[in-house]
Structures are given as C-alpha cells and as structure tokens.
C-alpha cells in the first residue's frame, strides 16, 4: 500500500553542517572534505550561528542551489550547507502544491530573528 502525499509532513532543519574542504577551490556539493570544520562532533551549526559566521567573515549572501534546494557558503576551506530563505520558500511551495499534510521547523529556537519562520508566510 502506497503513502498518499496528503499524509506526509515536510521538515525544515533550522541548522546546517560545516565541513573542512580538502581543497578550498573545490567548494561544490559533494566536494571532498576532511571532516567537520567546527568544534561539534558532526559539524552542525544552528541557522543563527551560520548567519553570525557569515557576518563575522564579511559574507553578504549565500549561494542557492535549486537542484538540491539548499544554500551554501564558503569561507576559506570552510564550506557550510544549510537552508536559507530561498530553500524554505521552495520547500513551502512544494508542500502546498503537492497538498502535503503540512510542514514543520526543527528547531525554531535556531532561527535568526524569525527570518526562516516568516519565509514561507505568503507562498500560495
């Protein structure tokens, strides 16, 4: 028995993962990495920490990949993949278009001034 799409709920991670690139010039999805780039076991970072990291390093915006529906940013040999506003809007639109049961955020406290929580508000 198959699963009906209107019984699925889509989850949005309000965090990302930071990796230390093997070669800083190779900064694409799937590029070789030497493990986590920050001091957590798996390289995870809250969304607000990703945005703070970007500000501290003079990065104005992330790069959005519409094939993978994910944002990324590279600073030196550190590469971070995460959902920013573009990814959230695309995922909310997908959930509504496909009549999913809904969507949820994990973890709202990781948001940065409700930027992600408001991102999909006006998507029809």
PDB file of N, CA and C in Angstrom:
ATOM      1  N   UNK A   1       0.843  -1.176   0.000  1.00  0.00           N
ATOM      2  CA  UNK A   1       0.000   0.000   0.000  1.00  0.00           C
ATOM      3  C   UNK A   1       0.892   1.243   0.000  1.00  0.00           C
ATOM      4  N   UNK A   2       0.687   2.141  -0.941  1.00  0.00           N
ATOM      5  CA  UNK A   2       1.483   3.358  -1.049  1.00  0.00           C
ATOM      6  C   UNK A   2       1.067   4.409  -0.041  1.00  0.00           C
ATOM      7  N   UNK A   3       1.938   5.393   0.136  1.00  0.00           N
ATOM      8  CA  UNK A   3       1.656   6.501   1.052  1.00  0.00           C
ATOM      9  C   UNK A   3       1.093   7.653   0.244  1.00  0.00           C
ATOM     10  N   UNK A   4      -0.042   8.169   0.649  1.00  0.00           N
ATOM     11  CA  UNK A   4      -0.658   9.316  -0.006  1.00  0.00           C
ATOM     12  C   UNK A   4       0.108  10.583   0.373  1.00  0.00           C
ATOM     13  N   UNK A   5       0.367  11.465  -0.601  1.00  0.00           N
ATOM     14  CA  UNK A   5       1.142  12.676  -0.327  1.00  0.00           C
ATOM     15  C   UNK A   5       0.453  13.586   0.677  1.00  0.00           C
ATOM     16  N   UNK A   6      -0.874  13.543   0.766  1.00  0.00           N
ATOM     17  CA  UNK A   6      -1.543  14.432   1.714  1.00  0.00           C
ATOM     18  C   UNK A   6      -1.462  13.908   3.143  1.00  0.00           C
ATOM     19  N   UNK A   7      -0.676  12.863   3.377  1.00  0.00           N
ATOM     20  CA  UNK A   7      -0.453  12.349   4.724  1.00  0.00           C
ATOM     21  C   UNK A   7       1.002  12.557   5.158  1.00  0.00           C
ATOM     22  N   UNK A   8       1.790  13.214   4.313  1.00  0.00           N
ATOM     23  CA  UNK A   8       3.191  13.479   4.630  1.00  0.00           C
ATOM     24  C   UNK A   8       3.370  14.872   5.200  1.00  0.00           C
ATOM     25  N   UNK A   9       4.339  15.005   6.078  1.00  0.00           N
ATOM     26  CA  UNK A   9       4.723  16.293   6.641  1.00  0.00           C
ATOM     27  C   UNK A   9       6.189  16.509   6.299  1.00  0.00           C
ATOM     28  N   UNK A  10       6.518  17.683   5.797  1.00  0.00           N
ATOM     29  CA  UNK A  10       7.882  18.010   5.390  1.00  0.00           C
ATOM     30  C   UNK A  10       8.573  18.777   6.519  1.00  0.00           C
ATOM     31  N   UNK A  11       9.777  18.353   6.892  1.00  0.00           N
ATOM     32  CA  UNK A  11      10.517  19.024   7.965  1.00  0.00           C
ATOM     33  C   UNK A  11      11.588  19.952   7.420  1.00  0.00           C
ATOM     34  N   UNK A  12      11.740  21.094   8.079  1.00  0.00           N
ATOM     35  CA  UNK A  12      12.750  22.084   7.709  1.00  0.00           C
ATOM     36  C   UNK A  12      13.802  22.169   8.810  1.00  0.00           C
ATOM     37  N   UNK A  13      15.032  21.827   8.504  1.00  0.00           N
ATOM     38  CA  UNK A  13      16.080  21.951   9.526  1.00  0.00           C
ATOM     39  C   UNK A  13      16.532  23.405   9.642  1.00  0.00           C
ATOM     40  N   UNK A  14      16.478  23.927  10.821  1.00  0.00           N
ATOM     41  CA  UNK A  14      16.976  25.293  11.043  1.00  0.00           C
ATOM     42  C   UNK A  14      18.428  25.203  11.517  1.00  0.00           C
ATOM     43  N   UNK A  15      19.203  24.379  10.823  1.00  0.00           N
ATOM     44  CA  UNK A  15      20.623  24.225  11.108  1.00  0.00           C
ATOM     45  C   UNK A  15      21.334  23.828   9.816  1.00  0.00           C
ATOM     46  N   UNK A  16      22.633  23.868   9.870  1.00  0.00           N
ATOM     47  CA  UNK A  16      23.435  23.464   8.728  1.00  0.00           C
ATOM     48  C   UNK A  16      24.623  22.655   9.194  1.00  0.00           C
ATOM     49  N   UNK A  17      25.473  22.287   8.248  1.00  0.00           N
ATOM     50  CA  UNK A  17      26.661  21.495   8.555  1.00  0.00           C
ATOM     51  C   UNK A  17      27.885  22.144   7.925  1.00  0.00           C
ATOM     52  N   UNK A  18      28.933  22.305   8.712  1.00  0.00           N
ATOM     53  CA  UNK A  18      30.178  22.922   8.260  1.00  0.00           C
ATOM     54  C   UNK A  18      31.239  21.841   8.053  1.00  0.00           C
ATOM     55  N   UNK A  19      31.872  21.875   6.873  1.00  0.00           N
ATOM     56  CA  UNK A  19      32.886  20.891   6.527  1.00  0.00           C
ATOM     57  C   UNK A  19      34.185  21.585   6.147  1.00  0.00           C
ATOM     58  N   UNK A  20      35.298  20.972   6.464  1.00  0.00           N
ATOM     59  CA  UNK A  20      36.612  21.478   6.076  1.00  0.00           C
ATOM     60  C   UNK A  20      36.961  20.861   4.725  1.00  0.00           C
ATOM     61  N   UNK A  21      36.996  21.681   3.700  1.00  0.00           N
ATOM     62  CA  UNK A  21      37.255  21.202   2.347  1.00  0.00           C
ATOM     63  C   UNK A  21      38.685  20.698   2.188  1.00  0.00           C
ATOM     64  N   UNK A  22      38.852  19.638   1.445  1.00  0.00           N
ATOM     65  CA  UNK A  22      40.189  19.127   1.130  1.00  0.00           C
ATOM     66  C   UNK A  22      40.937  20.136   0.270  1.00  0.00           C
ATOM     67  N   UNK A  23      40.205  20.805  -0.634  1.00  0.00           N
ATOM     68  CA  UNK A  23      40.771  21.843  -1.497  1.00  0.00           C
ATOM     69  C   UNK A  23      39.763  22.990  -1.534  1.00  0.00           C
ATOM     70  N   UNK A  24      40.101  24.166  -0.990  1.00  0.00           N
ATOM     71  CA  UNK A  24      39.155  25.291  -0.944  1.00  0.00           C
ATOM     72  C   UNK A  24      38.588  25.703  -2.305  1.00  0.00           C
ATOM     73  N   UNK A  25      39.301  25.397  -3.388  1.00  0.00           N
ATOM     74  CA  UNK A  25      38.785  25.742  -4.723  1.00  0.00           C
ATOM     75  C   UNK A  25      37.660  24.805  -5.152  1.00  0.00           C
ATOM     76  N   UNK A  26      37.600  23.630  -4.537  1.00  0.00           N
ATOM     77  CA  UNK A  26      36.527  22.675  -4.818  1.00  0.00           C
ATOM     78  C   UNK A  26      35.445  22.842  -3.753  1.00  0.00           C
ATOM     79  N   UNK A  27      34.542  23.780  -3.993  1.00  0.00           N
ATOM     80  CA  UNK A  27      33.542  24.123  -2.980  1.00  0.00           C
ATOM     81  C   UNK A  27      32.118  23.905  -3.498  1.00  0.00           C
ATOM     82  N   UNK A  28      31.881  22.719  -3.980  1.00  0.00           N
ATOM     83  CA  UNK A  28      30.582  22.352  -4.531  1.00  0.00           C
ATOM     84  C   UNK A  28      29.982  21.223  -3.694  1.00  0.00           C
ATOM     85  N   UNK A  29      28.704  20.948  -3.892  1.00  0.00           N
ATOM     86  CA  UNK A  29      28.048  19.863  -3.180  1.00  0.00           C
ATOM     87  C   UNK A  29      28.727  18.550  -3.557  1.00  0.00           C
ATOM     88  N   UNK A  30      29.174  17.823  -2.565  1.00  0.00           N
ATOM     89  CA  UNK A  30      29.863  16.556  -2.791  1.00  0.00           C
ATOM     90  C   UNK A  30      31.374  16.668  -2.902  1.00  0.00           C
ATOM     91  N   UNK A  31      31.918  17.890  -2.762  1.00  0.00           N
ATOM     92  CA  UNK A  31      33.371  18.058  -2.839  1.00  0.00           C
ATOM     93  C   UNK A  31      34.049  17.300  -1.698  1.00  0.00           C
ATOM     94  N   UNK A  32      35.248  16.795  -1.927  1.00  0.00           N
ATOM     95  CA  UNK A  32      35.968  16.086  -0.863  1.00  0.00           C
ATOM     96  C   UNK A  32      36.201  16.987   0.353  1.00  0.00           C
ATOM     97  N   UNK A  33      36.001  16.428   1.523  1.00  0.00           N
ATOM     98  CA  UNK A  33      36.186  17.164   2.776  1.00  0.00           C
ATOM     99  C   UNK A  33      36.974  16.305   3.751  1.00  0.00           C
ATOM    100  N   UNK A  34      37.576  16.981   4.730  1.00  0.00           N
ATOM    101  CA  UNK A  34      38.394  16.298   5.732  1.00  0.00           C
ATOM    102  C   UNK A  34      37.695  16.247   7.091  1.00  0.00           C
ATOM    103  N   UNK A  35      36.398  16.290   7.091  1.00  0.00           N
ATOM    104  CA  UNK A  35      35.655  16.232   8.349  1.00  0.00           C
ATOM    105  C   UNK A  35      35.042  17.564   8.733  1.00  0.00           C
ATOM    106  N   UNK A  36      34.434  17.622   9.903  1.00  0.00           N
ATOM    107  CA  UNK A  36      33.759  18.840  10.359  1.00  0.00           C
ATOM    108  C   UNK A  36      34.727  20.017  10.472  1.00  0.00           C
ATOM    109  N   UNK A  37      34.207  21.218  10.201  1.00  0.00           N
ATOM    110  CA  UNK A  37      35.035  22.430  10.239  1.00  0.00           C
ATOM    111  C   UNK A  37      34.878  23.204  11.539  1.00  0.00           C
ATOM    112  N   UNK A  38      33.950  22.793  12.386  1.00  0.00           N
ATOM    113  CA  UNK A  38      33.760  23.478  13.664  1.00  0.00           C
ATOM    114  C   UNK A  38      33.844  22.459  14.788  1.00  0.00           C
ATOM    115  N   UNK A  39      33.815  22.956  15.993  1.00  0.00           N
ATOM    116  CA  UNK A  39      34.024  22.091  17.160  1.00  0.00           C
ATOM    117  C   UNK A  39      32.758  21.392  17.646  1.00  0.00           C
ATOM    118  N   UNK A  40      32.070  20.721  16.747  1.00  0.00           N
ATOM    119  CA  UNK A  40      30.991  19.826  17.135  1.00  0.00           C
ATOM    120  C   UNK A  40      31.315  18.475  16.505  1.00  0.00           C
ATOM    121  N   UNK A  41      30.748  17.440  17.043  1.00  0.00           N
ATOM    122  CA  UNK A  41      31.064  16.092  16.552  1.00  0.00           C
ATOM    123  C   UNK A  41      30.765  15.921  15.069  1.00  0.00           C
ATOM    124  N   UNK A  42      29.652  16.496  14.621  1.00  0.00           N
ATOM    125  CA  UNK A  42      29.228  16.312  13.236  1.00  0.00           C
ATOM    126  C   UNK A  42      29.287  17.579  12.386  1.00  0.00           C
ATOM    127  N   UNK A  43      29.800  18.677  12.928  1.00  0.00           N
ATOM    128  CA  UNK A  43      29.892  19.930  12.178  1.00  0.00           C
ATOM    129  C   UNK A  43      28.603  20.719  12.130  1.00  0.00           C
ATOM    130  N   UNK A  44      27.601  20.331  12.926  1.00  0.00           N
ATOM    131  CA  UNK A  44      26.311  21.025  12.872  1.00  0.00           C
ATOM    132  C   UNK A  44      26.381  22.412  13.510  1.00  0.00           C
ATOM    133  N   UNK A  45      25.611  23.324  12.921  1.00  0.00           N
ATOM    134  CA  UNK A  45      25.522  24.708  13.388  1.00  0.00           C
ATOM    135  C   UNK A  45      24.071  25.161  13.314  1.00  0.00           C
ATOM    136  N   UNK A  46      23.618  25.890  14.322  1.00  0.00           N
ATOM    137  CA  UNK A  46      22.277  26.482  14.253  1.00  0.00           C
ATOM    138  C   UNK A  46      22.261  27.530  13.141  1.00  0.00           C
ATOM    139  N   UNK A  47      21.076  27.755  12.549  1.00  0.00           N
ATOM    140  CA  UNK A  47      20.950  28.744  11.476  1.00  0.00           C
ATOM    141  C   UNK A  47      21.478  30.099  11.924  1.00  0.00           C
ATOM    142  N   UNK A  48      21.110  30.537  13.135  1.00  0.00           N
ATOM    143  CA  UNK A  48      21.573  31.844  13.597  1.00  0.00           C
ATOM    144  C   UNK A  48      23.093  31.888  13.730  1.00  0.00           C
ATOM    145  N   UNK A  49      23.724  30.765  14.028  1.00  0.00           N
ATOM    146  CA  UNK A  49      25.187  30.717  14.100  1.00  0.00           C
ATOM    147  C   UNK A  49      25.819  30.760  12.705  1.00  0.00           C
ATOM    148  N   UNK A  50      25.149  30.147  11.731  1.00  0.00           N
ATOM    149  CA  UNK A  50      25.617  30.231  10.342  1.00  0.00           C
ATOM    150  C   UNK A  50      25.589  31.689   9.896  1.00  0.00           C
ATOM    151  N   UNK A  51      24.481  32.380  10.155  1.00  0.00           N
ATOM    152  CA  UNK A  51      24.351  33.788   9.744  1.00  0.00           C
ATOM    153  C   UNK A  51      25.379  34.661  10.469  1.00  0.00           C
ATOM    154  N   UNK A  52      25.615  34.394  11.748  1.00  0.00           N
ATOM    155  CA  UNK A  52      26.619  35.134  12.506  1.00  0.00           C
ATOM    156  C   UNK A  52      28.019  34.879  11.940  1.00  0.00           C
ATOM    157  N   UNK A  53      28.318  33.629  11.599  1.00  0.00           N
ATOM    158  CA  UNK A  53      29.603  33.267  10.994  1.00  0.00           C
ATOM    159  C   UNK A  53      29.803  34.035   9.689  1.00  0.00           C
ATOM    160  N   UNK A  54      28.738  34.110   8.885  1.00  0.00           N
ATOM    161  CA  UNK A  54      28.817  34.848   7.628  1.00  0.00           C
ATOM    162  C   UNK A  54      29.130  36.321   7.883  1.00  0.00           C
ATOM    163  N   UNK A  55      28.430  36.937   8.826  1.00  0.00           N
ATOM    164  CA  UNK A  55      28.658  38.359   9.142  1.00  0.00           C
ATOM    165  C   UNK A  55      30.087  38.593   9.616  1.00  0.00           C
ATOM    166  N   UNK A  56      30.566  37.737  10.527  1.00  0.00           N
ATOM    167  CA  UNK A  56      31.927  37.897  11.059  1.00  0.00           C
ATOM    168  C   UNK A  56      32.984  37.785   9.961  1.00  0.00           C
ATOM    169  N   UNK A  57      32.669  37.049   8.910  1.00  0.00           N
ATOM    170  CA  UNK A  57      33.630  36.835   7.824  1.00  0.00           C
ATOM    171  C   UNK A  57      33.342  37.673   6.583  1.00  0.00           C
ATOM    172  N   UNK A  58      32.459  38.644   6.696  1.00  0.00           N
ATOM    173  CA  UNK A  58      32.179  39.565   5.599  1.00  0.00           C
ATOM    174  C   UNK A  58      31.423  38.962   4.427  1.00  0.00           C
ATOM    175  N   UNK A  59      30.700  37.871   4.655  1.00  0.00           N
ATOM    176  CA  UNK A  59      29.918  37.242   3.591  1.00  0.00           C
ATOM    177  C   UNK A  59      28.506  37.824   3.624  1.00  0.00           C
ATOM    178  N   UNK A  60      28.091  38.430   2.523  1.00  0.00           N
ATOM    179  CA  UNK A  60      26.800  39.100   2.457  1.00  0.00           C
ATOM    180  C   UNK A  60      25.651  38.132   2.172  1.00  0.00           C
ATOM    181  N   UNK A  61      25.875  37.173   1.280  1.00  0.00           N
ATOM    182  CA  UNK A  61      24.796  36.250   0.939  1.00  0.00           C
ATOM    183  C   UNK A  61      25.342  34.856   0.659  1.00  0.00           C
ATOM    184  N   UNK A  62      24.446  33.903   0.785  1.00  0.00           N
ATOM    185  CA  UNK A  62      24.802  32.515   0.488  1.00  0.00           C
ATOM    186  C   UNK A  62      24.501  32.220  -0.977  1.00  0.00           C
ATOM    187  N   UNK A  63      24.962  31.080  -1.440  1.00  0.00           N
ATOM    188  CA  UNK A  63      24.707  30.626  -2.810  1.00  0.00           C
ATOM    189  C   UNK A  63      23.583  29.588  -2.743  1.00  0.00           C
ATOM    190  N   UNK A  64      22.559  29.769  -3.564  1.00  0.00           N
ATOM    191  CA  UNK A  64      21.419  28.850  -3.568  1.00  0.00           C
ATOM    192  C   UNK A  64      21.550  27.869  -4.730  1.00  0.00           C
ATOM    193  N   UNK A  65      21.360  26.586  -4.440  1.00  0.00           N
ATOM    194  CA  UNK A  65      21.392  25.547  -5.465  1.00  0.00           C
ATOM    195  C   UNK A  65      19.966  25.026  -5.631  1.00  0.00           C
ATOM    196  N   UNK A  66      19.323  25.374  -6.751  1.00  0.00           N
ATOM    197  CA  UNK A  66      17.925  24.990  -6.942  1.00  0.00           C
ATOM    198  C   UNK A  66      17.741  23.519  -7.311  1.00  0.00           C
ATOM    199  N   UNK A  67      18.804  22.823  -7.698  1.00  0.00           N
ATOM    200  CA  UNK A  67      18.698  21.386  -7.955  1.00  0.00           C
ATOM    201  C   UNK A  67      18.607  20.597  -6.648  1.00  0.00           C
ATOM    202  N   UNK A  68      19.407  20.991  -5.672  1.00  0.00           N
ATOM    203  CA  UNK A  68      19.426  20.309  -4.382  1.00  0.00           C
ATOM    204  C   UNK A  68      18.553  21.002  -3.334  1.00  0.00           C
ATOM    205  N   UNK A  69      18.056  22.183  -3.655  1.00  0.00           N
ATOM    206  CA  UNK A  69      17.243  23.009  -2.766  1.00  0.00           C
ATOM    207  C   UNK A  69      17.972  23.196  -1.432  1.00  0.00           C
ATOM    208  N   UNK A  70      19.142  23.817  -1.530  1.00  0.00           N
ATOM    209  CA  UNK A  70      19.962  24.080  -0.351  1.00  0.00           C
ATOM    210  C   UNK A  70      20.851  25.290  -0.630  1.00  0.00           C
ATOM    211  N   UNK A  71      21.193  25.988   0.418  1.00  0.00           N
ATOM    212  CA  UNK A  71      22.109  27.110   0.325  1.00  0.00           C
ATOM    213  C   UNK A  71      23.472  26.664   0.828  1.00  0.00           C
ATOM    214  N   UNK A  72      24.505  27.383   0.411  1.00  0.00           N
ATOM    215  CA  UNK A  72      25.841  27.104   0.921  1.00  0.00           C
ATOM    216  C   UNK A  72      26.657  28.382   0.945  1.00  0.00           C
ATOM    217  N   UNK A  73      27.687  28.350   1.750  1.00  0.00           N
ATOM    218  CA  UNK A  73      28.619  29.468   1.836  1.00  0.00           C
ATOM    219  C   UNK A  73      30.008  28.878   2.051  1.00  0.00           C
ATOM    220  N   UNK A  74      31.001  29.510   1.441  1.00  0.00           N
ATOM    221  CA  UNK A  74      32.384  29.076   1.591  1.00  0.00           C
ATOM    222  C   UNK A  74      33.214  30.236   2.116  1.00  0.00           C
ATOM    223  N   UNK A  75      33.968  29.963   3.171  1.00  0.00           N
ATOM    224  CA  UNK A  75      34.921  30.931   3.720  1.00  0.00           C
ATOM    225  C   UNK A  75      36.232  30.175   3.890  1.00  0.00           C
ATOM    226  N   UNK A  76      37.203  30.489   3.042  1.00  0.00           N
ATOM    227  CA  UNK A  76      38.468  29.758   3.075  1.00  0.00           C
ATOM    228  C   UNK A  76      38.219  28.294   2.771  1.00  0.00           C
ATOM    229  N   UNK A  77      38.623  27.416   3.688  1.00  0.00           N
ATOM    230  CA  UNK A  77      38.404  25.989   3.487  1.00  0.00           C
ATOM    231  C   UNK A  77      37.152  25.479   4.206  1.00  0.00           C
ATOM    232  N   UNK A  78      36.365  26.387   4.782  1.00  0.00           N
ATOM    233  CA  UNK A  78      35.125  26.004   5.455  1.00  0.00           C
ATOM    234  C   UNK A  78      33.949  26.140   4.501  1.00  0.00           C
ATOM    235  N   UNK A  79      33.208  25.061   4.327  1.00  0.00           N
ATOM    236  CA  UNK A  79      32.020  25.034   3.473  1.00  0.00           C
ATOM    237  C   UNK A  79      30.827  24.659   4.350  1.00  0.00           C
ATOM    238  N   UNK A  80      29.779  25.462   4.299  1.00  0.00           N
ATOM    239  CA  UNK A  80      28.591  25.227   5.122  1.00  0.00           C
ATOM    240  C   UNK A  80      27.376  25.083   4.219  1.00  0.00           C
ATOM    241  N   UNK A  81      26.636  24.011   4.396  1.00  0.00           N
ATOM    242  CA  UNK A  81      25.371  23.786   3.686  1.00  0.00           C
ATOM    243  C   UNK A  81      24.245  23.973   4.694  1.00  0.00           C
ATOM    244  N   UNK A  82      23.184  24.691   4.283  1.00  0.00           N
ATOM    245  CA  UNK A  82      22.073  24.992   5.185  1.00  0.00           C
ATOM    246  C   UNK A  82      20.873  25.475   4.375  1.00  0.00           C
ATOM    247  N   UNK A  83      19.719  25.525   5.006  1.00  0.00           N
ATOM    248  CA  UNK A  83      18.528  26.097   4.379  1.00  0.00           C
ATOM    249  C   UNK A  83      18.445  27.563   4.748  1.00  0.00           C
ATOM    250  N   UNK A  84      18.452  28.438   3.731  1.00  0.00           N
ATOM    251  CA  UNK A  84      18.219  29.862   3.935  1.00  0.00           C
ATOM    252  C   UNK A  84      16.841  30.168   3.355  1.00  0.00           C
ATOM    253  N   UNK A  85      16.508  31.404   3.222  1.00  0.00           N
ATOM    254  CA  UNK A  85      15.173  31.823   2.799  1.00  0.00           C
ATOM    255  C   UNK A  85      14.745  31.180   1.482  1.00  0.00           C
ATOM    256  N   UNK A  86      15.634  31.123   0.484  1.00  0.00           N
ATOM    257  CA  UNK A  86      15.272  30.544  -0.812  1.00  0.00           C
ATOM    258  C   UNK A  86      14.849  29.086  -0.684  1.00  0.00           C
ATOM    259  N   UNK A  87      15.608  28.321   0.084  1.00  0.00           N
ATOM    260  CA  UNK A  87      15.295  26.902   0.268  1.00  0.00           C
ATOM    261  C   UNK A  87      13.969  26.724   0.994  1.00  0.00           C
ATOM    262  N   UNK A  88      13.745  27.503   2.030  1.00  0.00           N
ATOM    263  CA  UNK A  88      12.487  27.398   2.791  1.00  0.00           C
ATOM    264  C   UNK A  88      11.299  27.747   1.899  1.00  0.00           C
ATOM    265  N   UNK A  89      11.400  28.820   1.128  1.00  0.00           N
ATOM    266  CA  UNK A  89      10.297  29.207   0.229  1.00  0.00           C
ATOM    267  C   UNK A  89       9.995  28.102  -0.780  1.00  0.00           C
ATOM    268  N   UNK A  90      11.041  27.505  -1.352  1.00  0.00           N
ATOM    269  CA  UNK A  90      10.851  26.422  -2.316  1.00  0.00           C
ATOM    270  C   UNK A  90      10.169  25.228  -1.665  1.00  0.00           C
ATOM    271  N   UNK A  91      10.574  24.882  -0.463  1.00  0.00           N
ATOM    272  CA  UNK A  91      10.000  23.734   0.238  1.00  0.00           C
ATOM    273  C   UNK A  91       8.555  23.985   0.666  1.00  0.00           C
ATOM    274  N   UNK A  92       8.245  25.203   1.112  1.00  0.00           N
ATOM    275  CA  UNK A  92       6.857  25.540   1.457  1.00  0.00           C
ATOM    276  C   UNK A  92       5.984  25.459   0.209  1.00  0.00           C
ATOM    277  N   UNK A  93       6.475  26.007  -0.900  1.00  0.00           N
ATOM    278  CA  UNK A  93       5.736  25.955  -2.155  1.00  0.00           C
ATOM    279  C   UNK A  93       5.486  24.505  -2.580  1.00  0.00           C
ATOM    280  N   UNK A  94       6.496  23.663  -2.455  1.00  0.00           N
ATOM    281  CA  UNK A  94       6.358  22.244  -2.794  1.00  0.00           C
ATOM    282  C   UNK A  94       5.291  21.576  -1.925  1.00  0.00           C
ATOM    283  N   UNK A  95       5.340  21.841  -0.625  1.00  0.00           N
ATOM    284  CA  UNK A  95       4.379  21.231   0.303  1.00  0.00           C
ATOM    285  C   UNK A  95       2.945  21.640  -0.040  1.00  0.00           C
ATOM    286  N   UNK A  96       2.759  22.917  -0.366  1.00  0.00           N
ATOM    287  CA  UNK A  96       1.416  23.392  -0.707  1.00  0.00           C
ATOM    288  C   UNK A  96       0.956  22.859  -2.059  1.00  0.00           C
ATOM    289  N   UNK A  97       1.836  22.904  -3.056  1.00  0.00           N
ATOM    290  CA  UNK A  97       1.493  22.441  -4.399  1.00  0.00           C
ATOM    291  C   UNK A  97       1.111  20.966  -4.399  1.00  0.00           C
ATOM    292  N   UNK A  98       1.819  20.178  -3.607  1.00  0.00           N
ATOM    293  CA  UNK A  98       1.584  18.735  -3.567  1.00  0.00           C
ATOM    294  C   UNK A  98       0.627  18.311  -2.464  1.00  0.00           C
ATOM    295  N   UNK A  99       0.000  19.292  -1.861  1.00  0.00           N
ATOM    296  CA  UNK A  99      -1.030  19.068  -0.841  1.00  0.00           C
ATOM    297  C   UNK A  99      -0.554  18.132   0.270  1.00  0.00           C
ATOM    298  N   UNK A 100       0.683  18.385   0.736  1.00  0.00           N
ATOM    299  CA  UNK A 100       1.176  17.619   1.872  1.00  0.00           C
ATOM    300  C   UNK A 100       0.372  18.000   3.104  1.00  0.00           C
ATOM    301  N   UNK A 101       0.420  17.165   4.101  1.00  0.00           N
ATOM    302  CA  UNK A 101      -0.320  17.427   5.337  1.00  0.00           C
ATOM    303  C   UNK A 101       0.157  18.715   5.992  1.00  0.00           C
ATOM    304  N   UNK A 102       1.422  19.042   5.809  1.00  0.00           N
ATOM    305  CA  UNK A 102       1.971  20.268   6.375  1.00  0.00           C
ATOM    306  C   UNK A 102       3.479  20.242   6.382  1.00  0.00           C
ATOM    307  N   UNK A 103       4.048  21.136   7.172  1.00  0.00           N
ATOM    308  CA  UNK A 103       5.495  21.224   7.318  1.00  0.00           C
ATOM    309  C   UNK A 103       5.798  21.758   8.704  1.00  0.00           C
ATOM    310  N   UNK A 104       6.999  21.496   9.160  1.00  0.00           N
ATOM    311  CA  UNK A 104       7.392  21.948  10.488  1.00  0.00           C
ATOM    312  C   UNK A 104       8.871  22.316  10.492  1.00  0.00           C
ATOM    313  N   UNK A 105       9.254  23.093  11.490  1.00  0.00           N
ATOM    314  CA  UNK A 105      10.641  23.524  11.636  1.00  0.00           C
ATOM    315  C   UNK A 105      11.289  22.805  12.799  1.00  0.00           C
ATOM    316  N   UNK A 106      12.561  22.460  12.598  1.00  0.00           N
ATOM    317  CA  UNK A 106      13.340  21.885  13.680  1.00  0.00           C
ATOM    318  C   UNK A 106      14.649  22.645  13.728  1.00  0.00           C
ATOM    319  N   UNK A 107      14.855  23.360  14.567  1.00  0.00           N
ATOM    320  CA  UNK A 107      14.309  23.787  15.814  1.00  0.00           C
ATOM    321  C   UNK A 107      14.099  25.283  15.735  1.00  0.00           C
ATOM    322  N   UNK A 108      12.914  25.766  16.061  1.00  0.00           N
ATOM    323  CA  UNK A 108      12.564  27.178  15.915  1.00  0.00           C
ATOM    324  C   UNK A 108      13.540  28.070  16.669  1.00  0.00           C
ATOM    325  N   UNK A 109      14.037  27.625  17.798  1.00  0.00           N
ATOM    326  CA  UNK A 109      14.977  28.446  18.582  1.00  0.00           C
ATOM    327  C   UNK A 109      16.302  28.677  17.844  1.00  0.00           C
ATOM    328  N   UNK A 110      16.547  27.942  16.764  1.00  0.00           N
ATOM    329  CA  UNK A 110      17.770  28.124  15.978  1.00  0.00           C
ATOM    330  C   UNK A 110      17.616  29.181  14.897  1.00  0.00           C
ATOM    331  N   UNK A 111      16.391  29.690  14.711  1.00  0.00           N
ATOM    332  CA  UNK A 111      16.128  30.728  13.712  1.00  0.00           C
ATOM    333  C   UNK A 111      16.853  32.013  14.108  1.00  0.00           C
ATOM    334  N   UNK A 112      16.988  32.927  13.175  1.00  0.00           N
ATOM    335  CA  UNK A 112      17.643  34.218  13.404  1.00  0.00           C
ATOM    336  C   UNK A 112      16.607  35.316  13.236  1.00  0.00           C
ATOM    337  N   UNK A 113      16.050  35.781  14.346  1.00  0.00           N
ATOM    338  CA  UNK A 113      15.008  36.818  14.327  1.00  0.00           C
ATOM    339  C   UNK A 113      13.813  36.427  13.457  1.00  0.00           C
ATOM    340  N   UNK A 114      13.450  35.167  13.467  1.00  0.00           N
ATOM    341  CA  UNK A 114      12.293  34.616  12.739  1.00  0.00           C
ATOM    342  C   UNK A 114      12.398  34.756  11.224  1.00  0.00           C
ATOM    343  N   UNK A 115      13.592  34.912  10.701  1.00  0.00           N
ATOM    344  CA  UNK A 115      13.767  35.053   9.246  1.00  0.00           C
ATOM    345  C   UNK A 115      13.230  33.834   8.505  1.00  0.00           C
ATOM    346  N   UNK A 116      13.613  32.639   8.944  1.00  0.00           N
ATOM    347  CA  UNK A 116      13.145  31.422   8.260  1.00  0.00           C
ATOM    348  C   UNK A 116      11.672  31.159   8.548  1.00  0.00           C
ATOM    349  N   UNK A 117      11.252  31.431   9.751  1.00  0.00           N
ATOM    350  CA  UNK A 117       9.847  31.174  10.122  1.00  0.00           C
ATOM    351  C   UNK A 117       8.887  32.024   9.312  1.00  0.00           C
ATOM    352  N   UNK A 118       9.317  33.215   8.910  1.00  0.00           N
ATOM    353  CA  UNK A 118       8.460  34.086   8.103  1.00  0.00           C
ATOM    354  C   UNK A 118       8.625  33.860   6.599  1.00  0.00           C
ATOM    355  N   UNK A 119       9.652  33.114   6.183  1.00  0.00           N
ATOM    356  CA  UNK A 119       9.994  32.983   4.760  1.00  0.00           C
ATOM    357  C   UNK A 119       8.862  32.446   3.910  1.00  0.00           C
ATOM    358  N   UNK A 120       8.102  31.495   4.394  1.00  0.00           N
ATOM    359  CA  UNK A 120       7.055  30.887   3.589  1.00  0.00           C
ATOM    360  C   UNK A 120       5.673  31.430   3.845  1.00  0.00           C
ATOM    361  N   UNK A 121       5.581  32.491   4.599  1.00  0.00           N
ATOM    362  CA  UNK A 121       4.289  33.034   5.023  1.00  0.00           C
ATOM    363  C   UNK A 121       3.348  33.364   3.870  1.00  0.00           C
ATOM    364  N   UNK A 122       3.845  33.950   2.820  1.00  0.00           N
ATOM    365  CA  UNK A 122       2.964  34.437   1.757  1.00  0.00           C
ATOM    366  C   UNK A 122       2.984  33.561   0.505  1.00  0.00           C
ATOM    367  N   UNK A 123       3.490  32.355   0.618  1.00  0.00           N
ATOM    368  CA  UNK A 123       3.505  31.414  -0.506  1.00  0.00           C
ATOM    369  C   UNK A 123       2.112  30.831  -0.664  1.00  0.00           C
ATOM    370  N   UNK A 124       1.593  30.854  -1.869  1.00  0.00           N
ATOM    371  CA  UNK A 124       0.247  30.295  -2.114  1.00  0.00           C
ATOM    372  C   UNK A 124       0.339  28.950  -2.757  1.00  0.00           C
TER     373      UNK A 124
END
